[in-house]
Amino acid sequence: MALREQLRGKLTSKELKFVPTSFDVIGNKDKAVAIIEIPEQLQEKKKIVAEGLMKQHKNVKSVLEKSSPRKGEFRIRKMKLIAGLRNTEVIHLENKCRYFLDPKTSYFSPREGTERQRILEHVRENETVMVFFAGVGPFAIQIAKHKKAARIIGIEKNLAAVKYFRKNIKLNKLTHVEAVLGDVKTKSKKYYGQCDRIIMPLPETAENYLEYAINCLKDNGMIHLYFFCEEENLEKKKEDLMNKISHHITISVQKVLPYGPKIWKYRADIKVSKKN
């Protein structure tokens, strides 16, 4: 039963038209958290909406309302508890991996699960892989779990996220993953020239860190860089990325997820030849 149907009889027919048709659920069959955006027209009825959502999804024990856009270097948005448990820590299951996290303190998007699996297809045996802006470790954990990579390093500035990242390494019984706390600009220097592949899942500003990614690469290494762009400006964006890199590169771009009207999240796969 859709949420709108669940709320029929509790909201007016006019109010029902404003009930959100999509929301994120993070967690597992025993305990999950739902994150929902409540429109202005339903602000006074948001607890009714939240309770209906919890009735619809029995595993949802807390409902959080988005109360700000994602902002700051940690991409965290303010969220208000509308209904349910105050403890919003959950274990999210994805592709045989488990992620322990609190969505109030650490960025995590279940909608990016398919993209994480796409990246797995690129990783080869015995590679050293580095993840910039690693969060609670979803890219690093998946690669370590499913690929015979020699070494995986994740750098993350958010202390709360790194604590969960380190717990997730243990939770998934992994031994060849490093969770590094700190700024990519300083912490990546330790790994210059050591990496076969760099993943940069921070679409707002990842391109500003390209020089650090290139410095970490071996010759003919690969960068997976994420960015937002309007469809009509994609070719110009590709040119801009190429102009930022002094080495010879090959670049291909893939759509990942819609972000706004005519705006998409894209992934640029950039192979860098450092022996010009």
C-alpha atoms as a PDB file:
ATOM      1  CA  MET A   1       0.000   0.000   0.000  1.00  0.00           C
ATOM      2  CA  ALA A   2       1.339   3.437  -0.968  1.00  0.00           C
ATOM      3  CA  LEU A   3       1.798   6.020   1.784  1.00  0.00           C
ATOM      4  CA  ARG A   4      -0.965   8.154   0.301  1.00  0.00           C
ATOM      5  CA  GLU A   5      -3.405   5.250   0.594  1.00  0.00           C
ATOM      6  CA  GLN A   6      -2.215   4.548   4.126  1.00  0.00           C
ATOM      7  CA  LEU A   7      -3.162   8.103   5.092  1.00  0.00           C
ATOM      8  CA  ARG A   8      -6.556   8.152   3.419  1.00  0.00           C
ATOM      9  CA  GLY A   9      -9.162   9.067   6.026  1.00  0.00           C
ATOM     10  CA  LYS A  10      -6.559  10.794   8.205  1.00  0.00           C
ATOM     11  CA  LEU A  11      -5.870  13.639   5.781  1.00  0.00           C
ATOM     12  CA  THR A  12      -8.243  15.583   3.588  1.00  0.00           C
ATOM     13  CA  SER A  13      -8.340  14.853  -0.138  1.00  0.00           C
ATOM     14  CA  LYS A  14      -6.538  18.151  -0.730  1.00  0.00           C
ATOM     15  CA  GLU A  15      -3.817  17.288   1.810  1.00  0.00           C
ATOM     16  CA  LEU A  16      -3.345  13.829   0.301  1.00  0.00           C
ATOM     17  CA  LYS A  17      -2.158  15.435  -2.945  1.00  0.00           C
ATOM     18  CA  PHE A  18       0.888  16.811  -1.101  1.00  0.00           C
ATOM     19  CA  VAL A  19       1.973  13.529   0.526  1.00  0.00           C
ATOM     20  CA  PRO A  20       5.531  12.733  -0.641  1.00  0.00           C
ATOM     21  CA  THR A  21       5.774   9.819  -3.058  1.00  0.00           C
ATOM     22  CA  SER A  22       9.425   9.088  -2.325  1.00  0.00           C
ATOM     23  CA  PHE A  23      11.668   8.977   0.735  1.00  0.00           C
ATOM     24  CA  ASP A  24      14.865   7.249   1.788  1.00  0.00           C
ATOM     25  CA  VAL A  25      14.920   4.252   4.103  1.00  0.00           C
ATOM     26  CA  ILE A  26      18.275   3.414   5.693  1.00  0.00           C
ATOM     27  CA  GLY A  27      18.650   0.271   7.788  1.00  0.00           C
ATOM     28  CA  ASN A  28      17.523  -3.354   7.730  1.00  0.00           C
ATOM     29  CA  LYS A  29      14.435  -5.497   8.287  1.00  0.00           C
ATOM     30  CA  ASP A  30      14.686  -5.129  12.071  1.00  0.00           C
ATOM     31  CA  LYS A  31      15.436  -1.427  12.417  1.00  0.00           C
ATOM     32  CA  ALA A  32      15.466   1.361   9.859  1.00  0.00           C
ATOM     33  CA  VAL A  33      15.220   5.130   9.688  1.00  0.00           C
ATOM     34  CA  ALA A  34      13.114   6.943   7.100  1.00  0.00           C
ATOM     35  CA  ILE A  35      14.159  10.375   5.845  1.00  0.00           C
ATOM     36  CA  ILE A  36      11.377  12.416   4.308  1.00  0.00           C
ATOM     37  CA  GLU A  37      10.790  15.922   3.007  1.00  0.00           C
ATOM     38  CA  ILE A  38       7.535  17.382   4.322  1.00  0.00           C
ATOM     39  CA  PRO A  39       5.968  20.091   2.122  1.00  0.00           C
ATOM     40  CA  GLU A  40       4.770  23.334   3.660  1.00  0.00           C
ATOM     41  CA  GLN A  41       1.146  22.295   3.146  1.00  0.00           C
ATOM     42  CA  LEU A  42       1.567  19.329   5.511  1.00  0.00           C
ATOM     43  CA  GLN A  43       3.713  20.869   8.245  1.00  0.00           C
ATOM     44  CA  GLU A  44       0.897  20.777  10.774  1.00  0.00           C
ATOM     45  CA  LYS A  45       0.131  17.151   9.898  1.00  0.00           C
ATOM     46  CA  LYS A  46       3.688  15.844   9.664  1.00  0.00           C
ATOM     47  CA  LYS A  47       3.390  13.583  12.709  1.00  0.00           C
ATOM     48  CA  ILE A  48       0.364  11.911  11.115  1.00  0.00           C
ATOM     49  CA  VAL A  49       2.404  11.424   7.922  1.00  0.00           C
ATOM     50  CA  ALA A  50       5.331   9.984   9.894  1.00  0.00           C
ATOM     51  CA  GLU A  51       3.142   7.591  11.855  1.00  0.00           C
ATOM     52  CA  GLY A  52       1.510   6.445   8.610  1.00  0.00           C
ATOM     53  CA  LEU A  53       4.930   5.801   7.123  1.00  0.00           C
ATOM     54  CA  MET A  54       5.930   3.737  10.166  1.00  0.00           C
ATOM     55  CA  LYS A  55       2.707   1.739   9.886  1.00  0.00           C
ATOM     56  CA  GLN A  56       3.397   1.148   6.204  1.00  0.00           C
ATOM     57  CA  HIS A  57       7.000   0.050   6.838  1.00  0.00           C
ATOM     58  CA  LYS A  58       7.105  -1.982  10.054  1.00  0.00           C
ATOM     59  CA  ASN A  59      10.911  -1.910  10.217  1.00  0.00           C
ATOM     60  CA  VAL A  60      11.034   1.909  10.298  1.00  0.00           C
ATOM     61  CA  LYS A  61      11.517   2.873  13.943  1.00  0.00           C
ATOM     62  CA  SER A  62      12.305   6.584  13.421  1.00  0.00           C
ATOM     63  CA  VAL A  63      11.206   9.190  10.896  1.00  0.00           C
ATOM     64  CA  LEU A  64      13.444  12.189  10.260  1.00  0.00           C
ATOM     65  CA  GLU A  65      12.385  15.315   8.401  1.00  0.00           C
ATOM     66  CA  LYS A  66      14.828  17.096   6.114  1.00  0.00           C
ATOM     67  CA  SER A  67      15.016  20.609   7.525  1.00  0.00           C
ATOM     68  CA  SER A  68      17.917  22.032   5.502  1.00  0.00           C
ATOM     69  CA  PRO A  69      19.770  21.322   2.278  1.00  0.00           C
ATOM     70  CA  ARG A  70      23.040  19.414   2.465  1.00  0.00           C
ATOM     71  CA  LYS A  71      25.706  21.917   3.397  1.00  0.00           C
ATOM     72  CA  GLY A  72      29.240  22.261   4.648  1.00  0.00           C
ATOM     73  CA  GLU A  73      32.237  20.102   3.937  1.00  0.00           C
ATOM     74  CA  PHE A  74      30.592  17.020   5.466  1.00  0.00           C
ATOM     75  CA  ARG A  75      27.442  17.240   3.252  1.00  0.00           C
ATOM     76  CA  ILE A  76      25.247  16.912   6.352  1.00  0.00           C
ATOM     77  CA  ARG A  77      21.727  18.306   6.417  1.00  0.00           C
ATOM     78  CA  LYS A  78      19.790  19.250   9.532  1.00  0.00           C
ATOM     79  CA  MET A  79      17.110  16.713  10.377  1.00  0.00           C
ATOM     80  CA  LYS A  80      14.292  16.778  12.911  1.00  0.00           C
ATOM     81  CA  LEU A  81      12.834  13.694  14.541  1.00  0.00           C
ATOM     82  CA  ILE A  82       9.112  13.618  13.748  1.00  0.00           C
ATOM     83  CA  ALA A  83       8.210  10.249  15.257  1.00  0.00           C
ATOM     84  CA  GLY A  84       9.792   7.131  16.731  1.00  0.00           C
ATOM     85  CA  LEU A  85      13.024   6.371  18.538  1.00  0.00           C
ATOM     86  CA  ARG A  86      15.569   9.087  19.298  1.00  0.00           C
ATOM     87  CA  ASN A  87      18.410   6.645  18.688  1.00  0.00           C
ATOM     88  CA  THR A  88      18.777   6.740  14.897  1.00  0.00           C
ATOM     89  CA  GLU A  89      21.831   4.495  14.579  1.00  0.00           C
ATOM     90  CA  VAL A  90      21.157   1.640  12.152  1.00  0.00           C
ATOM     91  CA  ILE A  91      22.950  -1.088  10.237  1.00  0.00           C
ATOM     92  CA  HIS A  92      22.250  -0.739   6.526  1.00  0.00           C
ATOM     93  CA  LEU A  93      22.563  -3.829   4.323  1.00  0.00           C
ATOM     94  CA  GLU A  94      23.776  -3.475   0.742  1.00  0.00           C
ATOM     95  CA  ASN A  95      25.320  -6.009  -1.629  1.00  0.00           C
ATOM     96  CA  LYS A  96      26.332  -8.365   1.215  1.00  0.00           C
ATOM     97  CA  CYS A  97      27.948  -5.485   3.121  1.00  0.00           C
ATOM     98  CA  ARG A  98      26.860  -3.924   6.404  1.00  0.00           C
ATOM     99  CA  TYR A  99      27.187  -0.241   7.220  1.00  0.00           C
ATOM    100  CA  PHE A 100      26.723   0.964  10.778  1.00  0.00           C
ATOM    101  CA  LEU A 101      25.854   4.683  10.814  1.00  0.00           C
ATOM    102  CA  ASP A 102      23.695   7.510  12.051  1.00  0.00           C
ATOM    103  CA  PRO A 103      22.264   9.537   9.135  1.00  0.00           C
ATOM    104  CA  LYS A 104      22.077  12.595  11.409  1.00  0.00           C
ATOM    105  CA  THR A 105      25.868  12.792  11.735  1.00  0.00           C
ATOM    106  CA  SER A 106      27.284  11.115   8.605  1.00  0.00           C
ATOM    107  CA  TYR A 107      26.412  11.370   4.932  1.00  0.00           C
ATOM    108  CA  PHE A 108      25.048   8.183   3.381  1.00  0.00           C
ATOM    109  CA  SER A 109      22.725   7.694   0.417  1.00  0.00           C
ATOM    110  CA  PRO A 110      21.049   4.342  -0.264  1.00  0.00           C
ATOM    111  CA  ARG A 111      20.216   5.669  -3.742  1.00  0.00           C
ATOM    112  CA  GLU A 112      23.884   5.403  -4.689  1.00  0.00           C
ATOM    113  CA  GLY A 113      24.029   1.648  -4.078  1.00  0.00           C
ATOM    114  CA  THR A 114      23.767   0.826  -7.795  1.00  0.00           C
ATOM    115  CA  GLU A 115      26.603   3.206  -8.579  1.00  0.00           C
ATOM    116  CA  ARG A 116      28.801   1.574  -5.944  1.00  0.00           C
ATOM    117  CA  GLN A 117      28.242  -1.742  -7.689  1.00  0.00           C
ATOM    118  CA  ARG A 118      29.125  -0.165 -11.046  1.00  0.00           C
ATOM    119  CA  ILE A 119      32.489   0.896  -9.629  1.00  0.00           C
ATOM    120  CA  LEU A 120      33.145  -2.694  -8.546  1.00  0.00           C
ATOM    121  CA  GLU A 121      33.123  -3.705 -12.212  1.00  0.00           C
ATOM    122  CA  HIS A 122      36.114  -1.430 -12.869  1.00  0.00           C
ATOM    123  CA  VAL A 123      38.364  -2.577 -10.011  1.00  0.00           C
ATOM    124  CA  ARG A 124      40.982  -5.181 -10.906  1.00  0.00           C
ATOM    125  CA  GLU A 125      42.866  -7.734  -8.862  1.00  0.00           C
ATOM    126  CA  ASN A 126      45.788  -6.489  -6.737  1.00  0.00           C
ATOM    127  CA  GLU A 127      45.011  -2.799  -7.222  1.00  0.00           C
ATOM    128  CA  THR A 128      45.650  -0.158  -4.589  1.00  0.00           C
ATOM    129  CA  VAL A 129      42.472   1.901  -4.409  1.00  0.00           C
ATOM    130  CA  MET A 130      41.995   5.194  -2.623  1.00  0.00           C
ATOM    131  CA  VAL A 131      38.653   6.831  -1.813  1.00  0.00           C
ATOM    132  CA  PHE A 132      38.658  10.577  -1.187  1.00  0.00           C
ATOM    133  CA  PHE A 133      35.785  11.847   1.035  1.00  0.00           C
ATOM    134  CA  ALA A 134      35.146   8.246   2.109  1.00  0.00           C
ATOM    135  CA  GLY A 135      32.317   8.846   4.584  1.00  0.00           C
ATOM    136  CA  VAL A 136      31.346   5.748   6.579  1.00  0.00           C
ATOM    137  CA  GLY A 137      33.188   3.644   4.001  1.00  0.00           C
ATOM    138  CA  PRO A 138      30.608   2.349   1.495  1.00  0.00           C
ATOM    139  CA  PHE A 139      32.885   2.402  -1.576  1.00  0.00           C
ATOM    140  CA  ALA A 140      35.897   1.076   0.334  1.00  0.00           C
ATOM    141  CA  ILE A 141      33.933  -1.659   2.115  1.00  0.00           C
ATOM    142  CA  GLN A 142      32.312  -2.921  -1.087  1.00  0.00           C
ATOM    143  CA  ILE A 143      35.602  -3.077  -2.948  1.00  0.00           C
ATOM    144  CA  ALA A 144      37.323  -4.875  -0.077  1.00  0.00           C
ATOM    145  CA  LYS A 145      34.439  -7.322   0.280  1.00  0.00           C
ATOM    146  CA  HIS A 146      34.005  -8.252  -3.365  1.00  0.00           C
ATOM    147  CA  LYS A 147      37.327  -7.620  -5.112  1.00  0.00           C
ATOM    148  CA  LYS A 148      40.841  -8.943  -4.540  1.00  0.00           C
ATOM    149  CA  ALA A 149      42.308  -5.481  -4.269  1.00  0.00           C
ATOM    150  CA  ALA A 150      45.669  -5.394  -2.527  1.00  0.00           C
ATOM    151  CA  ARG A 151      44.932  -2.317  -0.443  1.00  0.00           C
ATOM    152  CA  ILE A 152      42.084   0.157   0.052  1.00  0.00           C
ATOM    153  CA  ILE A 153      42.535   3.555   1.689  1.00  0.00           C
ATOM    154  CA  GLY A 154      39.692   5.903   2.581  1.00  0.00           C
ATOM    155  CA  ILE A 155      40.299   9.511   3.654  1.00  0.00           C
ATOM    156  CA  GLU A 156      37.523  11.368   5.485  1.00  0.00           C
ATOM    157  CA  LYS A 157      37.483  14.631   7.435  1.00  0.00           C
ATOM    158  CA  ASN A 158      34.302  14.031   9.456  1.00  0.00           C
ATOM    159  CA  LEU A 159      35.291  12.429  12.770  1.00  0.00           C
ATOM    160  CA  ALA A 160      31.838  10.906  13.301  1.00  0.00           C
ATOM    161  CA  ALA A 161      31.954   9.280   9.857  1.00  0.00           C
ATOM    162  CA  VAL A 162      35.463   7.907  10.409  1.00  0.00           C
ATOM    163  CA  LYS A 163      34.396   6.313  13.693  1.00  0.00           C
ATOM    164  CA  TYR A 164      31.623   4.483  11.838  1.00  0.00           C
ATOM    165  CA  PHE A 165      33.997   3.670   8.965  1.00  0.00           C
ATOM    166  CA  ARG A 166      36.390   1.958  11.381  1.00  0.00           C
ATOM    167  CA  LYS A 167      33.539   0.057  13.006  1.00  0.00           C
ATOM    168  CA  ASN A 168      32.369  -1.026   9.547  1.00  0.00           C
ATOM    169  CA  ILE A 169      35.788  -2.425   8.714  1.00  0.00           C
ATOM    170  CA  LYS A 170      35.488  -4.684  11.775  1.00  0.00           C
ATOM    171  CA  LEU A 171      31.795  -5.386  11.171  1.00  0.00           C
ATOM    172  CA  ASN A 172      32.596  -6.727   7.702  1.00  0.00           C
ATOM    173  CA  LYS A 173      35.698  -8.607   8.940  1.00  0.00           C
ATOM    174  CA  LEU A 174      38.129  -6.806   6.642  1.00  0.00           C
ATOM    175  CA  THR A 175      41.857  -6.450   7.188  1.00  0.00           C
ATOM    176  CA  HIS A 176      43.223  -4.576   4.175  1.00  0.00           C
ATOM    177  CA  VAL A 177      41.236  -1.328   4.529  1.00  0.00           C
ATOM    178  CA  GLU A 178      42.593   1.862   6.106  1.00  0.00           C
ATOM    179  CA  ALA A 179      40.262   4.591   7.426  1.00  0.00           C
ATOM    180  CA  VAL A 180      42.287   7.811   7.560  1.00  0.00           C
ATOM    181  CA  LEU A 181      40.976  10.829   9.482  1.00  0.00           C
ATOM    182  CA  GLY A 182      41.881  14.181   8.005  1.00  0.00           C
ATOM    183  CA  ASP A 183      41.896  16.521   5.024  1.00  0.00           C
ATOM    184  CA  VAL A 184      42.603  14.990   1.608  1.00  0.00           C
ATOM    185  CA  LYS A 185      45.026  17.832   0.837  1.00  0.00           C
ATOM    186  CA  THR A 186      47.373  16.814   3.645  1.00  0.00           C
ATOM    187  CA  LYS A 187      46.677  13.125   4.274  1.00  0.00           C
ATOM    188  CA  SER A 188      46.952  12.084   0.609  1.00  0.00           C
ATOM    189  CA  LYS A 189      50.642  13.128   0.479  1.00  0.00           C
ATOM    190  CA  LYS A 190      51.631   9.941   2.266  1.00  0.00           C
ATOM    191  CA  TYR A 191      50.305   7.942  -0.693  1.00  0.00           C
ATOM    192  CA  TYR A 192      51.734   9.878  -3.652  1.00  0.00           C
ATOM    193  CA  GLY A 193      52.557   7.571  -6.565  1.00  0.00           C
ATOM    194  CA  GLN A 194      51.074   4.478  -4.880  1.00  0.00           C
ATOM    195  CA  CYS A 195      47.502   4.169  -6.208  1.00  0.00           C
ATOM    196  CA  ASP A 196      46.034   2.466  -9.242  1.00  0.00           C
ATOM    197  CA  ARG A 197      42.586   4.000  -8.787  1.00  0.00           C
ATOM    198  CA  ILE A 198      41.102   7.042  -7.031  1.00  0.00           C
ATOM    199  CA  ILE A 199      37.383   7.453  -6.314  1.00  0.00           C
ATOM    200  CA  MET A 200      36.147  11.010  -5.684  1.00  0.00           C
ATOM    201  CA  PRO A 201      32.451  10.886  -4.627  1.00  0.00           C
ATOM    202  CA  LEU A 202      31.985  14.535  -3.653  1.00  0.00           C
ATOM    203  CA  PRO A 203      30.144  16.013  -6.658  1.00  0.00           C
ATOM    204  CA  GLU A 204      29.982  19.560  -5.316  1.00  0.00           C
ATOM    205  CA  THR A 205      33.739  20.163  -5.129  1.00  0.00           C
ATOM    206  CA  ALA A 206      35.671  16.997  -6.077  1.00  0.00           C
ATOM    207  CA  GLU A 207      37.305  18.597  -9.119  1.00  0.00           C
ATOM    208  CA  ASN A 208      39.083  21.046  -6.797  1.00  0.00           C
ATOM    209  CA  TYR A 209      41.089  18.075  -5.493  1.00  0.00           C
ATOM    210  CA  LEU A 210      42.187  16.694  -8.870  1.00  0.00           C
ATOM    211  CA  GLU A 211      45.850  17.574  -8.398  1.00  0.00           C
ATOM    212  CA  TYR A 212      45.994  15.509  -5.191  1.00  0.00           C
ATOM    213  CA  ALA A 213      44.348  12.553  -6.908  1.00  0.00           C
ATOM    214  CA  ILE A 214      46.807  12.735  -9.810  1.00  0.00           C
ATOM    215  CA  ASN A 215      49.743  12.918  -7.404  1.00  0.00           C
ATOM    216  CA  CYS A 216      48.524   9.722  -5.720  1.00  0.00           C
ATOM    217  CA  LEU A 217      48.222   7.827  -9.016  1.00  0.00           C
ATOM    218  CA  LYS A 218      50.708   5.503 -10.621  1.00  0.00           C
ATOM    219  CA  ASP A 219      51.212   5.889 -14.371  1.00  0.00           C
ATOM    220  CA  ASN A 220      48.056   4.949 -16.322  1.00  0.00           C
ATOM    221  CA  GLY A 221      45.991   5.126 -13.160  1.00  0.00           C
ATOM    222  CA  MET A 222      42.254   5.798 -13.153  1.00  0.00           C
ATOM    223  CA  ILE A 223      40.195   8.505 -11.462  1.00  0.00           C
ATOM    224  CA  HIS A 224      36.426   8.242 -10.949  1.00  0.00           C
ATOM    225  CA  LEU A 225      35.285  11.816 -10.343  1.00  0.00           C
ATOM    226  CA  TYR A 226      31.679  12.815  -9.625  1.00  0.00           C
ATOM    227  CA  PHE A 227      30.111  16.172 -10.489  1.00  0.00           C
ATOM    228  CA  PHE A 228      26.786  17.900 -11.046  1.00  0.00           C
ATOM    229  CA  CYS A 229      26.056  19.434 -14.429  1.00  0.00           C
ATOM    230  CA  GLU A 230      23.228  20.617 -16.635  1.00  0.00           C
ATOM    231  CA  GLU A 231      22.849  18.318 -19.641  1.00  0.00           C
ATOM    232  CA  GLU A 232      23.352  21.157 -22.108  1.00  0.00           C
ATOM    233  CA  ASN A 233      26.680  22.114 -20.517  1.00  0.00           C
ATOM    234  CA  LEU A 234      28.191  18.626 -20.367  1.00  0.00           C
ATOM    235  CA  GLU A 235      30.643  19.022 -23.270  1.00  0.00           C
ATOM    236  CA  LYS A 236      31.973  22.266 -21.836  1.00  0.00           C
ATOM    237  CA  LYS A 237      32.361  20.576 -18.460  1.00  0.00           C
ATOM    238  CA  LYS A 238      34.421  17.791 -20.033  1.00  0.00           C
ATOM    239  CA  GLU A 239      36.653  20.391 -21.684  1.00  0.00           C
ATOM    240  CA  ASP A 240      37.089  22.211 -18.380  1.00  0.00           C
ATOM    241  CA  LEU A 241      38.140  18.973 -16.668  1.00  0.00           C
ATOM    242  CA  MET A 242      40.639  18.190 -19.431  1.00  0.00           C
ATOM    243  CA  ASN A 243      42.122  21.681 -19.143  1.00  0.00           C
ATOM    244  CA  LYS A 244      42.683  21.187 -15.419  1.00  0.00           C
ATOM    245  CA  ILE A 245      44.954  18.186 -16.020  1.00  0.00           C
ATOM    246  CA  SER A 246      48.393  18.775 -17.532  1.00  0.00           C
ATOM    247  CA  HIS A 247      48.998  15.081 -18.292  1.00  0.00           C
ATOM    248  CA  HIS A 248      47.670  13.146 -21.266  1.00  0.00           C
ATOM    249  CA  ILE A 249      44.263  11.719 -20.364  1.00  0.00           C
ATOM    250  CA  THR A 250      41.346   9.820 -21.810  1.00  0.00           C
ATOM    251  CA  ILE A 251      37.943  10.657 -20.378  1.00  0.00           C
ATOM    252  CA  SER A 252      34.466   9.190 -20.591  1.00  0.00           C
ATOM    253  CA  VAL A 253      31.366  10.414 -18.763  1.00  0.00           C
ATOM    254  CA  GLN A 254      28.389   8.450 -17.448  1.00  0.00           C
ATOM    255  CA  LYS A 255      25.064   9.615 -16.014  1.00  0.00           C
ATOM    256  CA  VAL A 256      24.548   8.477 -12.415  1.00  0.00           C
ATOM    257  CA  LEU A 257      21.396  10.019 -10.908  1.00  0.00           C
ATOM    258  CA  PRO A 258      19.040  12.919 -11.646  1.00  0.00           C
ATOM    259  CA  TYR A 259      19.675  15.877  -9.358  1.00  0.00           C
ATOM    260  CA  GLY A 260      17.296  18.609 -10.490  1.00  0.00           C
ATOM    261  CA  PRO A 261      15.503  19.929 -13.584  1.00  0.00           C
ATOM    262  CA  LYS A 262      17.852  19.030 -16.470  1.00  0.00           C
ATOM    263  CA  ILE A 263      20.689  18.589 -13.941  1.00  0.00           C
ATOM    264  CA  TRP A 264      22.375  15.222 -13.419  1.00  0.00           C
ATOM    265  CA  LYS A 265      25.006  13.726 -11.224  1.00  0.00           C
ATOM    266  CA  TYR A 266      27.716  12.409 -13.539  1.00  0.00           C
ATOM    267  CA  ARG A 267      30.804  10.252 -13.172  1.00  0.00           C
ATOM    268  CA  ALA A 268      33.916  11.039 -15.188  1.00  0.00           C
ATOM    269  CA  ASP A 269      36.268   8.086 -15.704  1.00  0.00           C
ATOM    270  CA  ILE A 270      39.670   9.635 -16.310  1.00  0.00           C
ATOM    271  CA  LYS A 271      42.737   7.588 -17.257  1.00  0.00           C
ATOM    272  CA  VAL A 272      45.953   9.516 -16.637  1.00  0.00           C
ATOM    273  CA  SER A 273      49.222   8.899 -18.446  1.00  0.00           C
ATOM    274  CA  LYS A 274      51.906  10.527 -16.302  1.00  0.00           C
ATOM    275  CA  LYS A 275      54.809   9.709 -18.650  1.00  0.00           C
ATOM    276  CA  ASN A 276      54.226  12.463 -21.197  1.00  0.00           C
END
